[in-house]
Amino acid sequence: MDGKSQSNPTRRRYLKGGGALIAGGLLAGCTGTNDADGQRTETGGQTTESQDGSTTESTEGPYTVSMSPMGDVTFDAVPESVFTVFSQYADMAVALGHGDAVNSVYVPEMFGTTLNHYTHHLDGVSFDWEGLYDPLMASFSKEKLYELDSDVHFADPAWASTQSNWSKSDVEEISDQLAPWFGNFYSGTNGAPPKGYENYDYYTLWELFGKVAAVFQEQARYEALATVHTDLVSTIQDALPPKAERPTVVRATLAADGEKFYTYHLNKPGYWLADTRPLGANDAFADEDWGGLWGTVDYEAMLEADPDIILHLWGMTPSYSMQKTRKTLEDHSVGSQLSAVKNDRVFAAGMRYQGPLMNLFQIEMGAKQLYPDLFGEWPRYEDGDHYPDIPEDEWLFDRTRVAAIVNGEF
């Protein structure tokens, strides 16, 4: 192939081009709507043109959704079986009422358990993760994709082309013979894509969610959830104190040996920072360029930065014990000198691979951890607990509304 898509029917759907590229660690109604990218979508059998010239059609016939790096991807029906790697796409499927379509996700127990810790507060919403295939811990292979026989692969073809035992021709084969790719990995940190994808576009988490919603033809659910998110962020940002009065914060994970930290930025671009960036805290390592997705620092470097607050990434997941983490820091000769440790401000944080449901809870959680005087105290989290019960008058977003949207009762 020459890198441009062809009109090439497959068993259940076809891709059509317009000159778009399709090839290529890691823990309804009848009214139109505008998604976060300005794409106009009509339901009830209408076909319209988006700002970039692509079209979106209703489920009464083939419909097309456009996203980088795939370009235009056309579906002949709403996917009933979906392959996901990183869990933001599984979260999106659940939020759109299609969680049962997910057939795979990275570390199913960690993601599923954590998501259910949040959705415990959303009546009628949960995710059945047991028995799902793990495409990274087991085998990310063409053979397994054929076996799963999915209707769409929510993964980035550019990313897939960089994986072990995968070539660009393998990626093309899957999209041509099995089902399309539909994902955007490098927007996670706005990092550089591999060679051959120089015209790569970047999206926020909620822009990406709008694209996935169009794949599922669930634009109404998306718009409703996006409004909740917009209101949540506005509520927080309208109340923030001047930058100089905000706490200094480090987002980090204590390594298994207890002797170093994996550190992450707070306010840089990318959807993996979609829960911390809206909070506007002062990143104690803001000026550090680690040359990758994260950095590694020792206790001395952490003490030199001496943040007011440490947000322990993955702390809400079953993969880490906050009790053991706090004890390790308290018992360490240097760790015990950290202000965040002395003042009991080492908090459990969530997952980077968050979709919209996790994002809502993690933004609220961070706001309470960083600004308790403004948004209410964050209850102490104990290992294995669900997301804590927050008094209704201290909610920063309406759980009842969110549950109704996910359940289609809005």
Protein backbone atom coordinates (compact mmCIF):
# COMPACT_ATOMS: atom_id res chain seq x y z
CA MET A 1 0.00 0.00 0.00
CA ASP A 2 1.08 3.59 -0.55
CA GLY A 3 -0.16 4.82 2.84
CA LYS A 4 -3.55 5.98 1.52
CA SER A 5 -6.70 4.11 2.33
CA GLN A 6 -8.69 2.30 -0.32
CA SER A 7 -12.37 1.44 -0.54
CA ASN A 8 -11.85 -2.14 0.57
CA PRO A 9 -14.89 -4.05 1.96
CA THR A 10 -14.26 -6.41 4.86
CA ARG A 11 -16.60 -8.89 6.54
CA ARG A 12 -18.50 -6.34 8.64
CA ARG A 13 -17.31 -2.90 7.70
CA TYR A 14 -15.18 -1.04 5.24
CA LEU A 15 -12.71 1.79 5.41
CA LYS A 16 -12.75 4.66 3.00
CA GLY A 17 -10.09 7.18 2.54
CA GLY A 18 -9.94 10.72 1.34
CA GLY A 19 -6.18 10.37 1.34
CA ALA A 20 -6.02 9.40 5.00
CA LEU A 21 -3.40 7.20 6.58
CA ILE A 22 -4.91 4.02 7.98
CA ALA A 23 -1.82 2.03 8.74
CA GLY A 24 0.53 2.39 10.91
CA GLY A 25 6.47 0.05 30.40
CA LEU A 26 2.90 0.55 30.36
CA LEU A 27 1.00 -0.01 33.35
CA ALA A 28 -31.15 9.57 19.83
CA GLY A 29 -33.35 12.00 18.32
CA CYS A 30 -33.17 13.90 15.13
CA THR A 31 -31.32 17.00 16.22
CA GLY A 32 -27.65 17.67 15.60
CA THR A 33 -24.91 18.21 18.15
CA ASN A 34 -21.38 19.55 18.09
CA ASP A 35 -18.70 17.42 19.66
CA ALA A 36 -15.53 18.70 21.31
CA ASP A 37 -13.74 18.85 17.95
CA GLY A 38 -16.48 20.92 16.29
CA GLN A 39 -17.63 17.88 14.30
CA ARG A 40 -21.31 18.17 13.38
CA THR A 41 -23.17 14.88 13.81
CA GLU A 42 -26.78 14.18 12.84
CA THR A 43 -28.90 11.19 13.81
CA GLY A 44 -32.11 9.86 12.37
CA GLY A 45 -30.70 8.98 8.94
CA GLN A 46 -29.04 12.32 8.19
CA THR A 47 -25.56 12.70 6.72
CA THR A 48 -23.53 15.84 7.30
CA GLU A 49 -20.08 17.16 6.69
CA SER A 50 -17.68 18.04 9.49
CA GLN A 51 -15.26 20.94 9.52
CA ASP A 52 -12.48 18.76 8.15
CA GLY A 53 -14.66 17.54 5.26
CA SER A 54 -15.35 14.06 6.63
CA THR A 55 -18.89 12.78 7.02
CA THR A 56 -20.82 11.17 9.81
CA GLU A 57 -23.89 9.10 9.03
CA SER A 58 -26.52 7.49 11.20
CA THR A 59 -26.72 3.83 12.14
CA GLU A 60 -29.36 3.34 9.42
CA GLY A 61 -26.47 3.13 6.97
CA PRO A 62 -22.67 3.29 6.96
CA TYR A 63 -21.27 6.18 8.96
CA THR A 64 -17.81 7.68 9.05
CA VAL A 65 -15.76 9.00 11.94
CA SER A 66 -12.52 10.88 11.36
CA MET A 67 -9.56 10.87 13.71
CA SER A 68 -5.79 11.07 13.43
CA PRO A 69 -3.82 9.06 12.53
CA MET A 70 -6.39 6.82 10.79
CA GLY A 71 -8.23 9.56 8.89
CA ASP A 72 -11.77 8.59 7.86
CA VAL A 73 -12.97 5.28 9.25
CA THR A 74 -16.34 4.00 8.05
CA PHE A 75 -18.50 1.56 10.00
CA ASP A 76 -21.54 -0.27 8.67
CA ALA A 77 -22.92 -0.88 12.17
CA VAL A 78 -22.24 0.01 15.79
CA PRO A 79 -19.44 -2.27 17.05
CA GLU A 80 -20.58 -5.12 19.26
CA SER A 81 -17.14 -6.48 20.12
CA VAL A 82 -14.27 -4.08 20.76
CA PHE A 83 -10.58 -4.63 21.38
CA THR A 84 -8.92 -2.19 23.76
CA VAL A 85 -5.36 -1.98 25.03
CA PHE A 86 -5.15 1.06 27.27
CA SER A 87 -8.02 1.36 29.64
CA GLN A 88 -9.26 4.85 28.73
CA TYR A 89 -11.13 3.22 25.84
CA ALA A 90 -12.73 0.61 28.10
CA ASP A 91 -13.79 3.41 30.46
CA MET A 92 -15.30 5.24 27.47
CA ALA A 93 -17.22 2.15 26.41
CA VAL A 94 -18.68 1.79 29.92
CA ALA A 95 -19.58 5.49 30.03
CA LEU A 96 -21.40 5.15 26.71
CA GLY A 97 -23.38 2.10 27.81
CA HIS A 98 -21.29 -0.39 25.83
CA GLY A 99 -19.08 -1.90 28.50
CA ASP A 100 -20.22 -5.40 27.60
CA ALA A 101 -18.63 -4.99 24.15
CA VAL A 102 -15.09 -4.86 25.59
CA ASN A 103 -13.16 -8.09 25.03
CA SER A 104 -9.69 -7.06 26.24
CA VAL A 105 -7.86 -4.47 28.32
CA TYR A 106 -4.40 -4.03 29.83
CA VAL A 107 -4.26 -5.45 33.38
CA PRO A 108 -7.99 -6.23 33.64
CA GLU A 109 -8.01 -6.73 37.41
CA MET A 110 -6.26 -3.46 38.18
CA PHE A 111 -8.38 -1.40 35.81
CA GLY A 112 -11.67 -3.18 36.45
CA THR A 113 -11.33 -3.15 40.22
CA THR A 114 -10.34 0.50 40.25
CA LEU A 115 -13.12 1.59 37.90
CA ASN A 116 -15.62 -0.27 40.06
CA HIS A 117 -14.25 1.51 43.15
CA TYR A 118 -15.49 4.69 41.45
CA THR A 119 -18.69 3.40 39.87
CA HIS A 120 -19.70 2.00 43.26
CA HIS A 121 -21.21 5.49 43.63
CA LEU A 122 -23.07 5.32 40.30
CA ASP A 123 -26.23 3.27 40.68
CA GLY A 124 -26.53 0.60 38.01
CA VAL A 125 -23.03 1.14 36.62
CA SER A 126 -20.25 -1.45 36.86
CA PHE A 127 -17.71 -3.23 34.70
CA ASP A 128 -17.34 -7.00 34.47
CA TRP A 129 -13.61 -7.41 33.90
CA GLU A 130 -13.09 -11.04 34.86
CA GLY A 131 -11.98 -13.22 31.99
CA LEU A 132 -10.96 -10.35 29.74
CA TYR A 133 -7.84 -10.83 27.65
CA ASP A 134 -4.76 -8.77 28.56
CA PRO A 135 -3.15 -7.78 25.25
CA LEU A 136 0.15 -6.63 26.75
CA MET A 137 0.84 -9.08 29.53
CA ALA A 138 -0.14 -12.06 27.37
CA SER A 139 0.50 -11.59 23.67
CA PHE A 140 -0.22 -8.65 21.39
CA SER A 141 -0.24 -10.60 18.16
CA LYS A 142 -2.07 -10.77 14.86
CA GLU A 143 -3.15 -14.29 15.65
CA LYS A 144 -4.88 -13.19 18.86
CA LEU A 145 -6.62 -10.32 17.10
CA TYR A 146 -7.99 -12.76 14.54
CA GLU A 147 -9.11 -15.02 17.36
CA LEU A 148 -10.89 -12.19 19.18
CA ASP A 149 -12.59 -11.23 15.91
CA SER A 150 -13.42 -7.69 17.06
CA ASP A 151 -15.50 -5.12 15.19
CA VAL A 152 -13.00 -2.35 15.97
CA HIS A 153 -9.57 -2.12 17.55
CA PHE A 154 -9.42 0.84 19.92
CA ALA A 155 -5.66 1.15 19.54
CA ASP A 156 -3.39 3.47 17.60
CA PRO A 157 -1.99 1.94 14.39
CA ALA A 158 1.08 4.18 14.74
CA TRP A 159 1.72 2.75 18.21
CA ALA A 160 0.96 -0.79 17.05
CA SER A 161 3.58 -0.50 14.31
CA THR A 162 6.27 0.01 16.98
CA GLN A 163 5.48 -3.12 18.96
CA SER A 164 7.59 -6.25 18.97
CA ASN A 165 6.94 -8.56 16.01
CA TRP A 166 4.71 -5.97 14.32
CA SER A 167 5.42 -4.25 11.04
CA LYS A 168 3.52 -1.61 9.11
CA SER A 169 2.28 -4.32 6.76
CA ASP A 170 0.94 -6.30 9.73
CA VAL A 171 -0.98 -3.24 10.88
CA GLU A 172 -2.38 -2.74 7.39
CA GLU A 173 -3.38 -6.38 7.18
CA ILE A 174 -5.48 -6.13 10.35
CA SER A 175 -7.32 -3.02 9.14
CA ASP A 176 -7.85 -4.44 5.65
CA GLN A 177 -8.81 -8.00 6.48
CA LEU A 178 -10.27 -7.90 9.98
CA ALA A 179 -11.45 -4.60 11.47
CA PRO A 180 -10.27 -0.98 11.62
CA TRP A 181 -7.90 0.59 14.08
CA PHE A 182 -9.30 3.56 15.97
CA GLY A 183 -6.98 5.04 18.56
CA ASN A 184 -4.59 7.87 19.30
CA PHE A 185 -1.76 6.99 21.67
CA TYR A 186 0.68 9.87 21.38
CA SER A 187 -1.83 12.45 22.60
CA GLY A 188 -1.19 10.91 26.02
CA THR A 189 1.78 13.24 26.42
CA ASN A 190 1.75 14.93 23.00
CA GLY A 191 4.86 12.92 22.27
CA ALA A 192 6.39 12.41 18.85
CA PRO A 193 4.86 9.59 16.79
CA PRO A 194 7.01 7.14 14.82
CA LYS A 195 8.41 7.88 11.40
CA GLY A 196 5.73 8.10 8.74
CA TYR A 197 3.19 9.88 10.94
CA GLU A 198 4.53 13.41 10.84
CA ASN A 199 1.06 14.96 10.34
CA TYR A 200 -0.19 13.46 13.57
CA ASP A 201 -2.93 15.41 15.39
CA TYR A 202 -3.28 15.61 19.17
CA TYR A 203 -6.52 15.45 21.18
CA THR A 204 -7.57 16.04 24.74
CA LEU A 205 -9.17 13.19 26.67
CA TRP A 206 -12.66 14.58 26.13
CA GLU A 207 -12.06 15.26 22.43
CA LEU A 208 -10.95 11.65 22.07
CA PHE A 209 -14.04 10.57 24.00
CA GLY A 210 -16.18 12.48 21.50
CA LYS A 211 -14.63 10.51 18.66
CA VAL A 212 -15.25 7.18 20.38
CA ALA A 213 -18.83 8.27 21.12
CA ALA A 214 -19.33 8.83 17.40
CA VAL A 215 -18.09 5.29 16.73
CA PHE A 216 -20.76 3.97 19.11
CA GLN A 217 -23.30 6.51 17.80
CA GLU A 218 -23.77 7.73 21.36
CA GLN A 219 -23.30 11.47 20.81
CA ALA A 220 -26.14 12.39 23.20
CA ARG A 221 -24.52 10.50 26.09
CA TYR A 222 -21.21 12.11 25.24
CA GLU A 223 -22.64 15.65 25.18
CA ALA A 224 -24.36 15.13 28.52
CA LEU A 225 -21.21 13.78 30.20
CA ALA A 226 -19.07 16.50 28.62
CA THR A 227 -21.35 19.10 30.19
CA VAL A 228 -20.82 17.51 33.62
CA HIS A 229 -17.07 17.63 33.05
CA THR A 230 -17.10 21.25 31.88
CA ASP A 231 -19.14 22.30 34.91
CA LEU A 232 -16.81 20.39 37.26
CA VAL A 233 -13.69 22.03 35.88
CA SER A 234 -15.30 25.48 35.91
CA THR A 235 -16.40 25.03 39.53
CA ILE A 236 -12.84 24.24 40.56
CA GLN A 237 -10.97 26.75 38.46
CA ASP A 238 -13.28 29.62 39.37
CA ALA A 239 -12.40 29.08 43.02
CA LEU A 240 -8.61 28.57 42.77
CA PRO A 241 -6.38 30.98 44.67
CA PRO A 242 -3.57 32.91 42.92
CA LYS A 243 -0.81 30.66 41.63
CA ALA A 244 1.63 31.79 44.30
CA GLU A 245 -0.76 30.59 46.99
CA ARG A 246 -1.27 27.11 45.55
CA PRO A 247 0.60 24.10 46.96
CA THR A 248 3.68 22.55 45.42
CA VAL A 249 2.93 19.02 44.34
CA VAL A 250 4.73 15.95 43.02
CA ARG A 251 2.94 13.15 41.23
CA ALA A 252 5.04 10.07 41.82
CA THR A 253 5.10 6.34 42.41
CA LEU A 254 7.45 4.82 44.97
CA ALA A 255 9.49 2.10 43.32
CA ALA A 256 9.22 -1.48 44.52
CA ASP A 257 12.64 -1.28 46.17
CA GLY A 258 11.52 1.72 48.22
CA GLU A 259 14.65 3.66 47.25
CA LYS A 260 13.52 5.85 44.35
CA PHE A 261 10.48 7.48 42.82
CA TYR A 262 9.01 7.42 39.35
CA THR A 263 7.89 10.99 38.77
CA TYR A 264 5.37 12.54 36.38
CA HIS A 265 4.44 16.09 35.47
CA LEU A 266 1.18 17.75 36.51
CA ASN A 267 0.43 20.48 33.98
CA LYS A 268 1.99 19.47 30.67
CA PRO A 269 -0.20 18.74 27.63
CA GLY A 270 -1.65 15.28 27.12
CA TYR A 271 -4.63 13.25 28.20
CA TRP A 272 -2.64 11.32 30.79
CA LEU A 273 -2.60 14.53 32.82
CA ALA A 274 -6.33 15.18 32.41
CA ASP A 275 -6.97 14.90 36.14
CA THR A 276 -4.11 17.04 37.47
CA ARG A 277 -3.83 19.80 34.86
CA PRO A 278 -7.26 21.36 35.66
CA LEU A 279 -6.20 21.75 39.31
CA GLY A 280 -3.43 24.23 38.51
CA ALA A 281 -1.09 23.19 41.33
CA ASN A 282 2.59 24.14 41.28
CA ASP A 283 4.57 21.22 39.89
CA ALA A 284 7.69 20.84 42.02
CA PHE A 285 9.46 19.26 39.03
CA ALA A 286 7.97 21.55 36.36
CA ASP A 287 11.38 22.45 34.93
CA GLU A 288 12.63 18.88 34.66
CA ASP A 289 12.85 17.30 31.22
CA TRP A 290 13.16 13.57 31.68
CA GLY A 291 13.23 12.85 27.96
CA GLY A 292 10.42 10.33 28.25
CA LEU A 293 7.04 9.63 29.78
CA TRP A 294 8.41 9.82 33.31
CA GLY A 295 11.55 10.44 35.31
CA THR A 296 13.33 8.72 38.16
CA VAL A 297 14.53 10.63 41.24
CA ASP A 298 16.10 9.59 44.51
CA TYR A 299 15.20 10.70 48.02
CA GLU A 300 17.72 13.53 47.98
CA ALA A 301 16.18 15.04 44.84
CA MET A 302 12.72 14.65 46.33
CA LEU A 303 13.84 16.36 49.53
CA GLU A 304 15.40 19.19 47.55
CA ALA A 305 12.07 19.76 45.81
CA ASP A 306 10.24 19.08 49.11
CA PRO A 307 6.67 19.30 47.81
CA ASP A 308 3.78 20.20 50.08
CA ILE A 309 1.85 17.22 48.71
CA ILE A 310 2.75 13.89 47.12
CA LEU A 311 0.09 12.30 44.93
CA HIS A 312 0.96 8.61 44.75
CA LEU A 313 -0.03 7.48 41.27
CA TRP A 314 -1.83 4.11 41.17
CA GLY A 315 -2.51 4.43 44.94
CA MET A 316 -6.24 3.80 44.43
CA THR A 317 -5.52 0.60 42.50
CA PRO A 318 -5.05 -2.89 43.97
CA SER A 319 -1.48 -2.85 42.65
CA TYR A 320 -0.14 -0.66 45.48
CA SER A 321 -0.59 -0.45 49.23
CA MET A 322 -0.80 3.09 50.56
CA GLN A 323 -0.29 1.77 54.07
CA LYS A 324 3.03 0.20 53.12
CA THR A 325 4.02 3.25 51.02
CA ARG A 326 3.46 5.65 53.91
CA LYS A 327 5.34 3.39 56.33
CA THR A 328 8.29 3.07 53.94
CA LEU A 329 8.52 6.85 53.68
CA GLU A 330 8.13 7.39 57.41
CA ASP A 331 10.84 4.82 58.22
CA HIS A 332 13.34 6.19 55.69
CA SER A 333 16.01 8.54 57.07
CA VAL A 334 15.46 11.03 54.24
CA GLY A 335 11.87 10.26 53.39
CA SER A 336 10.81 11.04 56.94
CA GLN A 337 12.11 14.60 56.44
CA LEU A 338 9.74 15.31 53.55
CA SER A 339 7.13 17.94 54.41
CA ALA A 340 4.40 15.89 52.75
CA VAL A 341 5.29 12.94 54.98
CA LYS A 342 5.57 14.96 58.18
CA ASN A 343 2.24 16.70 57.51
CA ASP A 344 0.42 13.51 56.44
CA ARG A 345 -0.17 14.81 52.93
CA VAL A 346 0.84 11.74 50.95
CA PHE A 347 -2.38 10.88 49.12
CA ALA A 348 -3.58 7.99 47.03
CA ALA A 349 -4.08 9.05 43.41
CA GLY A 350 -5.78 7.15 40.63
CA MET A 351 -4.69 5.90 37.20
CA ARG A 352 -3.13 7.74 34.31
CA TYR A 353 -4.95 5.51 31.81
CA GLN A 354 -8.25 7.16 32.71
CA GLY A 355 -11.38 7.57 30.65
CA PRO A 356 -14.24 9.98 31.37
CA LEU A 357 -15.69 8.24 34.42
CA MET A 358 -12.35 7.91 36.17
CA ASN A 359 -11.53 11.46 35.14
CA LEU A 360 -14.57 12.94 36.89
CA PHE A 361 -13.79 11.20 40.16
CA GLN A 362 -10.04 11.82 39.96
CA ILE A 363 -10.50 15.55 39.35
CA GLU A 364 -12.80 15.77 42.37
CA MET A 365 -10.40 13.68 44.44
CA GLY A 366 -7.43 15.86 43.54
CA ALA A 367 -9.33 19.08 44.25
CA LYS A 368 -10.11 17.89 47.77
CA GLN A 369 -6.57 16.64 48.40
CA LEU A 370 -4.95 19.86 47.19
CA TYR A 371 -7.49 22.45 48.32
CA PRO A 372 -9.42 21.07 51.32
CA ASP A 373 -10.33 24.55 52.56
CA LEU A 374 -12.09 25.23 49.26
CA PHE A 375 -13.64 21.90 48.34
CA GLY A 376 -13.90 19.90 51.54
CA GLU A 377 -11.52 17.51 53.23
CA TRP A 378 -10.52 14.33 51.44
CA PRO A 379 -11.42 11.33 53.62
CA ARG A 380 -8.49 9.09 54.40
CA TYR A 381 -8.31 6.20 51.95
CA GLU A 382 -7.54 2.70 53.17
CA ASP A 383 -6.24 -0.08 50.95
CA GLY A 384 -8.99 -1.87 49.06
CA ASP A 385 -11.70 0.66 49.85
CA HIS A 386 -14.09 2.04 47.29
CA TYR A 387 -13.82 5.72 46.46
CA PRO A 388 -14.78 7.29 49.79
CA ASP A 389 -18.30 8.37 50.61
CA ILE A 390 -18.53 12.13 50.17
CA PRO A 391 -21.48 14.02 51.73
CA GLU A 392 -23.85 15.06 48.96
CA ASP A 393 -23.45 18.74 49.81
CA GLU A 394 -19.70 18.35 49.18
CA TRP A 395 -19.98 16.62 45.78
CA LEU A 396 -18.20 18.52 43.04
CA PHE A 397 -20.28 16.71 40.41
CA ASP A 398 -23.67 15.00 40.55
CA ARG A 399 -23.32 11.22 40.76
CA THR A 400 -27.06 10.75 40.20
CA ARG A 401 -26.86 12.69 36.93
CA VAL A 402 -23.84 10.75 35.72
CA ALA A 403 -25.43 7.39 36.53
CA ALA A 404 -28.59 8.41 34.67
CA ILE A 405 -26.56 9.38 31.60
CA VAL A 406 -24.58 6.14 31.54
CA ASN A 407 -27.77 4.13 32.03
CA GLY A 408 -29.52 6.02 29.22
CA GLU A 409 -32.09 7.49 31.58
CA PHE A 410 -31.71 11.17 30.72
